């Protein structure tokens, strides 16, 4: 499903340096595909954005550090 999503969404022009970001986006969408309360997801996203401190450019461009 991931391969089909990348080919369909990015038209085969996926950049290897961004594969982690593609995987994170796919996982987010896949886990919420049957969500009945999409407004709640948006609300939680806003709550998280307000509660989280600033992110350096490096952290945003190099992906999330899971370690």
PDB file of N, CA and C in Angstrom:
ATOM      1  N   UNK A   1       0.812  -1.188   0.000  1.00  0.00           N
ATOM      2  CA  UNK A   1       0.000   0.000   0.000  1.00  0.00           C
ATOM      3  C   UNK A   1       0.860   1.258   0.000  1.00  0.00           C
ATOM      4  N   UNK A   2       1.977   1.207   0.706  1.00  0.00           N
ATOM      5  CA  UNK A   2       2.866   2.363   0.752  1.00  0.00           C
ATOM      6  C   UNK A   2       3.431   2.666  -0.631  1.00  0.00           C
ATOM      7  N   UNK A   3       3.872   1.630  -1.318  1.00  0.00           N
ATOM      8  CA  UNK A   3       4.444   1.826  -2.648  1.00  0.00           C
ATOM      9  C   UNK A   3       3.405   2.422  -3.597  1.00  0.00           C
ATOM     10  N   UNK A   4       2.194   1.913  -3.558  1.00  0.00           N
ATOM     11  CA  UNK A   4       1.123   2.436  -4.406  1.00  0.00           C
ATOM     12  C   UNK A   4       0.808   3.885  -4.053  1.00  0.00           C
ATOM     13  N   UNK A   5       0.802   4.213  -2.757  1.00  0.00           N
ATOM     14  CA  UNK A   5       0.531   5.575  -2.323  1.00  0.00           C
ATOM     15  C   UNK A   5       1.607   6.529  -2.840  1.00  0.00           C
ATOM     16  N   UNK A   6       2.888   6.138  -2.716  1.00  0.00           N
ATOM     17  CA  UNK A   6       3.970   7.002  -3.195  1.00  0.00           C
ATOM     18  C   UNK A   6       3.871   7.200  -4.703  1.00  0.00           C
ATOM     19  N   UNK A   7       3.613   6.121  -5.446  1.00  0.00           N
ATOM     20  CA  UNK A   7       3.511   6.247  -6.900  1.00  0.00           C
ATOM     21  C   UNK A   7       2.313   7.107  -7.296  1.00  0.00           C
ATOM     22  N   UNK A   8       1.212   6.979  -6.598  1.00  0.00           N
ATOM     23  CA  UNK A   8       0.021   7.750  -6.922  1.00  0.00           C
ATOM     24  C   UNK A   8       0.094   9.197  -6.489  1.00  0.00           C
ATOM     25  N   UNK A   9       0.601   9.436  -5.294  1.00  0.00           N
ATOM     26  CA  UNK A   9       0.643  10.790  -4.745  1.00  0.00           C
ATOM     27  C   UNK A   9       1.791  11.605  -5.323  1.00  0.00           C
ATOM     28  N   UNK A  10       2.945  11.005  -5.407  1.00  0.00           N
ATOM     29  CA  UNK A  10       4.136  11.732  -5.836  1.00  0.00           C
ATOM     30  C   UNK A  10       4.504  11.449  -7.294  1.00  0.00           C
ATOM     31  N   UNK A  11       3.669  10.716  -7.969  1.00  0.00           N
ATOM     32  CA  UNK A  11       3.849  10.413  -9.399  1.00  0.00           C
ATOM     33  C   UNK A  11       5.232   9.842  -9.707  1.00  0.00           C
ATOM     34  N   UNK A  12       5.736   9.007  -8.789  1.00  0.00           N
ATOM     35  CA  UNK A  12       7.012   8.351  -9.001  1.00  0.00           C
ATOM     36  C   UNK A  12       8.225   9.225  -8.789  1.00  0.00           C
ATOM     37  N   UNK A  13       8.045  10.433  -8.290  1.00  0.00           N
ATOM     38  CA  UNK A  13       9.184  11.337  -8.105  1.00  0.00           C
ATOM     39  C   UNK A  13       9.560  11.468  -6.631  1.00  0.00           C
ATOM     40  N   UNK A  14       9.507  10.379  -5.905  1.00  0.00           N
ATOM     41  CA  UNK A  14       9.871  10.395  -4.494  1.00  0.00           C
ATOM     42  C   UNK A  14      11.386  10.565  -4.363  1.00  0.00           C
ATOM     43  N   UNK A  15      11.794  11.423  -3.458  1.00  0.00           N
ATOM     44  CA  UNK A  15      13.207  11.707  -3.230  1.00  0.00           C
ATOM     45  C   UNK A  15      13.691  10.834  -2.074  1.00  0.00           C
ATOM     46  N   UNK A  16      14.779  10.087  -2.252  1.00  0.00           N
ATOM     47  CA  UNK A  16      15.249   9.190  -1.186  1.00  0.00           C
ATOM     48  C   UNK A  16      15.492   9.886   0.153  1.00  0.00           C
ATOM     49  N   UNK A  17      15.927  11.145   0.132  1.00  0.00           N
ATOM     50  CA  UNK A  17      16.184  11.861   1.391  1.00  0.00           C
ATOM     51  C   UNK A  17      14.899  12.108   2.178  1.00  0.00           C
ATOM     52  N   UNK A  18      13.747  12.042   1.534  1.00  0.00           N
ATOM     53  CA  UNK A  18      12.476  12.330   2.194  1.00  0.00           C
ATOM     54  C   UNK A  18      11.662  11.075   2.501  1.00  0.00           C
ATOM     55  N   UNK A  19      12.239   9.901   2.322  1.00  0.00           N
ATOM     56  CA  UNK A  19      11.476   8.667   2.536  1.00  0.00           C
ATOM     57  C   UNK A  19      10.912   8.555   3.947  1.00  0.00           C
ATOM     58  N   UNK A  20      11.663   8.988   4.953  1.00  0.00           N
ATOM     59  CA  UNK A  20      11.157   8.932   6.330  1.00  0.00           C
ATOM     60  C   UNK A  20       9.922   9.812   6.486  1.00  0.00           C
ATOM     61  N   UNK A  21       9.936  10.982   5.884  1.00  0.00           N
ATOM     62  CA  UNK A  21       8.778  11.874   5.953  1.00  0.00           C
ATOM     63  C   UNK A  21       7.580  11.279   5.225  1.00  0.00           C
ATOM     64  N   UNK A  22       7.824  10.645   4.075  1.00  0.00           N
ATOM     65  CA  UNK A  22       6.739   9.992   3.344  1.00  0.00           C
ATOM     66  C   UNK A  22       6.121   8.882   4.197  1.00  0.00           C
ATOM     67  N   UNK A  23       6.983   8.109   4.853  1.00  0.00           N
ATOM     68  CA  UNK A  23       6.492   7.015   5.694  1.00  0.00           C
ATOM     69  C   UNK A  23       5.670   7.543   6.862  1.00  0.00           C
ATOM     70  N   UNK A  24       6.134   8.619   7.488  1.00  0.00           N
ATOM     71  CA  UNK A  24       5.391   9.199   8.610  1.00  0.00           C
ATOM     72  C   UNK A  24       4.026   9.723   8.167  1.00  0.00           C
ATOM     73  N   UNK A  25       3.965  10.369   7.004  1.00  0.00           N
ATOM     74  CA  UNK A  25       2.684  10.870   6.494  1.00  0.00           C
ATOM     75  C   UNK A  25       1.745   9.718   6.165  1.00  0.00           C
ATOM     76  N   UNK A  26       2.268   8.680   5.510  1.00  0.00           N
ATOM     77  CA  UNK A  26       1.450   7.524   5.163  1.00  0.00           C
ATOM     78  C   UNK A  26       0.911   6.849   6.416  1.00  0.00           C
ATOM     79  N   UNK A  27       1.763   6.682   7.418  1.00  0.00           N
ATOM     80  CA  UNK A  27       1.342   6.042   8.670  1.00  0.00           C
ATOM     81  C   UNK A  27       0.238   6.850   9.345  1.00  0.00           C
ATOM     82  N   UNK A  28       0.396   8.166   9.381  1.00  0.00           N
ATOM     83  CA  UNK A  28      -0.623   9.029   9.978  1.00  0.00           C
ATOM     84  C   UNK A  28      -1.954   8.856   9.260  1.00  0.00           C
ATOM     85  N   UNK A  29      -1.930   8.926   7.933  1.00  0.00           N
ATOM     86  CA  UNK A  29      -3.172   8.806   7.162  1.00  0.00           C
ATOM     87  C   UNK A  29      -3.774   7.416   7.269  1.00  0.00           C
ATOM     88  N   UNK A  30      -2.928   6.383   7.233  1.00  0.00           N
ATOM     89  CA  UNK A  30      -3.424   5.007   7.311  1.00  0.00           C
ATOM     90  C   UNK A  30      -4.089   4.732   8.660  1.00  0.00           C
ATOM     91  N   UNK A  31      -3.479   5.196   9.735  1.00  0.00           N
ATOM     92  CA  UNK A  31      -4.026   4.952  11.073  1.00  0.00           C
ATOM     93  C   UNK A  31      -5.328   5.694  11.328  1.00  0.00           C
ATOM     94  N   UNK A  32      -5.584   6.738  10.554  1.00  0.00           N
ATOM     95  CA  UNK A  32      -6.795   7.535  10.762  1.00  0.00           C
ATOM     96  C   UNK A  32      -7.795   7.420   9.618  1.00  0.00           C
ATOM     97  N   UNK A  33      -7.641   6.397   8.781  1.00  0.00           N
ATOM     98  CA  UNK A  33      -8.485   6.266   7.590  1.00  0.00           C
ATOM     99  C   UNK A  33      -9.948   6.013   7.925  1.00  0.00           C
ATOM    100  N   UNK A  34     -10.225   5.415   9.070  1.00  0.00           N
ATOM    101  CA  UNK A  34     -11.613   5.108   9.435  1.00  0.00           C
ATOM    102  C   UNK A  34     -12.106   5.989  10.581  1.00  0.00           C
ATOM    103  N   UNK A  35     -11.417   7.067  10.849  1.00  0.00           N
ATOM    104  CA  UNK A  35     -11.784   7.942  11.951  1.00  0.00           C
ATOM    105  C   UNK A  35     -13.147   8.566  11.700  1.00  0.00           C
ATOM    106  N   UNK A  36     -13.980   8.527  12.694  1.00  0.00           N
ATOM    107  CA  UNK A  36     -15.326   9.104  12.576  1.00  0.00           C
ATOM    108  C   UNK A  36     -15.361  10.553  13.034  1.00  0.00           C
ATOM    109  N   UNK A  37     -14.303  10.969  13.720  1.00  0.00           N
ATOM    110  CA  UNK A  37     -14.296  12.334  14.247  1.00  0.00           C
ATOM    111  C   UNK A  37     -13.061  13.074  13.739  1.00  0.00           C
ATOM    112  N   UNK A  38     -13.093  13.462  12.485  1.00  0.00           N
ATOM    113  CA  UNK A  38     -11.942  14.148  11.888  1.00  0.00           C
ATOM    114  C   UNK A  38     -11.705  15.510  12.524  1.00  0.00           C
ATOM    115  N   UNK A  39     -12.750  16.137  13.010  1.00  0.00           N
ATOM    116  CA  UNK A  39     -12.580  17.410  13.694  1.00  0.00           C
ATOM    117  C   UNK A  39     -11.772  17.258  14.968  1.00  0.00           C
ATOM    118  N   UNK A  40     -11.937  16.129  15.645  1.00  0.00           N
ATOM    119  CA  UNK A  40     -11.192  15.866  16.869  1.00  0.00           C
ATOM    120  C   UNK A  40      -9.699  15.717  16.561  1.00  0.00           C
ATOM    121  N   UNK A  41      -9.366  15.075  15.446  1.00  0.00           N
ATOM    122  CA  UNK A  41      -7.970  14.939  15.051  1.00  0.00           C
ATOM    123  C   UNK A  41      -7.362  16.322  14.833  1.00  0.00           C
ATOM    124  N   UNK A  42      -8.091  17.194  14.156  1.00  0.00           N
ATOM    125  CA  UNK A  42      -7.603  18.553  13.925  1.00  0.00           C
ATOM    126  C   UNK A  42      -7.445  19.297  15.246  1.00  0.00           C
ATOM    127  N   UNK A  43      -8.378  19.132  16.136  1.00  0.00           N
ATOM    128  CA  UNK A  43      -8.304  19.780  17.452  1.00  0.00           C
ATOM    129  C   UNK A  43      -7.069  19.315  18.215  1.00  0.00           C
ATOM    130  N   UNK A  44      -6.797  18.012  18.181  1.00  0.00           N
ATOM    131  CA  UNK A  44      -5.611  17.477  18.867  1.00  0.00           C
ATOM    132  C   UNK A  44      -4.327  17.989  18.209  1.00  0.00           C
ATOM    133  N   UNK A  45      -4.342  18.140  16.898  1.00  0.00           N
ATOM    134  CA  UNK A  45      -3.191  18.684  16.196  1.00  0.00           C
ATOM    135  C   UNK A  45      -2.920  20.115  16.656  1.00  0.00           C
ATOM    136  N   UNK A  46      -3.967  20.924  16.756  1.00  0.00           N
ATOM    137  CA  UNK A  46      -3.800  22.297  17.234  1.00  0.00           C
ATOM    138  C   UNK A  46      -3.322  22.343  18.684  1.00  0.00           C
ATOM    139  N   UNK A  47      -3.886  21.484  19.536  1.00  0.00           N
ATOM    140  CA  UNK A  47      -3.458  21.432  20.932  1.00  0.00           C
ATOM    141  C   UNK A  47      -1.974  21.078  21.021  1.00  0.00           C
ATOM    142  N   UNK A  48      -1.538  20.111  20.207  1.00  0.00           N
ATOM    143  CA  UNK A  48      -0.133  19.719  20.205  1.00  0.00           C
ATOM    144  C   UNK A  48       0.769  20.826  19.700  1.00  0.00           C
ATOM    145  N   UNK A  49       0.299  21.563  18.694  1.00  0.00           N
ATOM    146  CA  UNK A  49       1.099  22.663  18.153  1.00  0.00           C
ATOM    147  C   UNK A  49       1.272  23.772  19.184  1.00  0.00           C
ATOM    148  N   UNK A  50       0.235  24.031  19.964  1.00  0.00           N
ATOM    149  CA  UNK A  50       0.316  25.084  20.980  1.00  0.00           C
ATOM    150  C   UNK A  50       1.209  24.644  22.140  1.00  0.00           C
ATOM    151  N   UNK A  51       1.161  23.369  22.495  1.00  0.00           N
ATOM    152  CA  UNK A  51       1.918  22.871  23.645  1.00  0.00           C
ATOM    153  C   UNK A  51       3.384  22.597  23.324  1.00  0.00           C
ATOM    154  N   UNK A  52       3.741  22.515  22.054  1.00  0.00           N
ATOM    155  CA  UNK A  52       5.108  22.190  21.643  1.00  0.00           C
ATOM    156  C   UNK A  52       5.914  23.458  21.424  1.00  0.00           C
ATOM    157  N   UNK A  53       7.156  23.404  21.844  1.00  0.00           N
ATOM    158  CA  UNK A  53       8.037  24.554  21.662  1.00  0.00           C
ATOM    159  C   UNK A  53       8.475  24.704  20.216  1.00  0.00           C
ATOM    160  N   UNK A  54       9.270  25.719  19.939  1.00  0.00           N
ATOM    161  CA  UNK A  54       9.740  25.960  18.581  1.00  0.00           C
ATOM    162  C   UNK A  54      10.591  24.805  18.073  1.00  0.00           C
ATOM    163  N   UNK A  55      10.558  24.598  16.768  1.00  0.00           N
ATOM    164  CA  UNK A  55      11.332  23.542  16.128  1.00  0.00           C
ATOM    165  C   UNK A  55      12.383  24.199  15.245  1.00  0.00           C
ATOM    166  N   UNK A  56      13.624  23.757  15.380  1.00  0.00           N
ATOM    167  CA  UNK A  56      14.704  24.295  14.547  1.00  0.00           C
ATOM    168  C   UNK A  56      14.522  23.823  13.112  1.00  0.00           C
ATOM    169  N   UNK A  57      15.040  24.573  12.167  1.00  0.00           N
ATOM    170  CA  UNK A  57      14.901  24.217  10.755  1.00  0.00           C
ATOM    171  C   UNK A  57      15.487  22.841  10.487  1.00  0.00           C
ATOM    172  N   UNK A  58      16.606  22.523  11.119  1.00  0.00           N
ATOM    173  CA  UNK A  58      17.237  21.223  10.908  1.00  0.00           C
ATOM    174  C   UNK A  58      16.297  20.090  11.306  1.00  0.00           C
ATOM    175  N   UNK A  59      15.614  20.240  12.424  1.00  0.00           N
ATOM    176  CA  UNK A  59      14.688  19.206  12.882  1.00  0.00           C
ATOM    177  C   UNK A  59      13.533  19.027  11.916  1.00  0.00           C
ATOM    178  N   UNK A  60      13.100  20.106  11.294  1.00  0.00           N
ATOM    179  CA  UNK A  60      11.987  20.027  10.356  1.00  0.00           C
ATOM    180  C   UNK A  60      12.367  19.462   9.014  1.00  0.00           C
ATOM    181  N   UNK A  61      13.608  19.639   8.608  1.00  0.00           N
ATOM    182  CA  UNK A  61      14.028  19.164   7.297  1.00  0.00           C
ATOM    183  C   UNK A  61      14.657  17.791   7.329  1.00  0.00           C
ATOM    184  N   UNK A  62      15.126  17.358   8.468  1.00  0.00           N
ATOM    185  CA  UNK A  62      15.802  16.052   8.565  1.00  0.00           C
ATOM    186  C   UNK A  62      14.932  14.981   9.215  1.00  0.00           C
ATOM    187  N   UNK A  63      13.692  15.287   9.515  1.00  0.00           N
ATOM    188  CA  UNK A  63      12.799  14.293  10.089  1.00  0.00           C
ATOM    189  C   UNK A  63      12.845  14.273  11.603  1.00  0.00           C
ATOM    190  N   UNK A  64      11.940  13.560  12.166  1.00  0.00           N
ATOM    191  CA  UNK A  64      11.809  13.452  13.619  1.00  0.00           C
ATOM    192  C   UNK A  64      12.810  12.453  14.155  1.00  0.00           C
ATOM    193  N   UNK A  65      13.430  12.767  15.272  1.00  0.00           N
ATOM    194  CA  UNK A  65      14.390  11.859  15.900  1.00  0.00           C
ATOM    195  C   UNK A  65      13.647  10.906  16.829  1.00  0.00           C
ATOM    196  N   UNK A  66      13.489   9.660  16.422  1.00  0.00           N
ATOM    197  CA  UNK A  66      12.727   8.670  17.191  1.00  0.00           C
ATOM    198  C   UNK A  66      13.540   8.086  18.334  1.00  0.00           C
ATOM    199  N   UNK A  67      14.838   8.340  18.389  1.00  0.00           N
ATOM    200  CA  UNK A  67      15.709   7.716  19.398  1.00  0.00           C
ATOM    201  C   UNK A  67      15.811   8.403  20.652  1.00  0.00           C
TER     202      UNK A  67
END
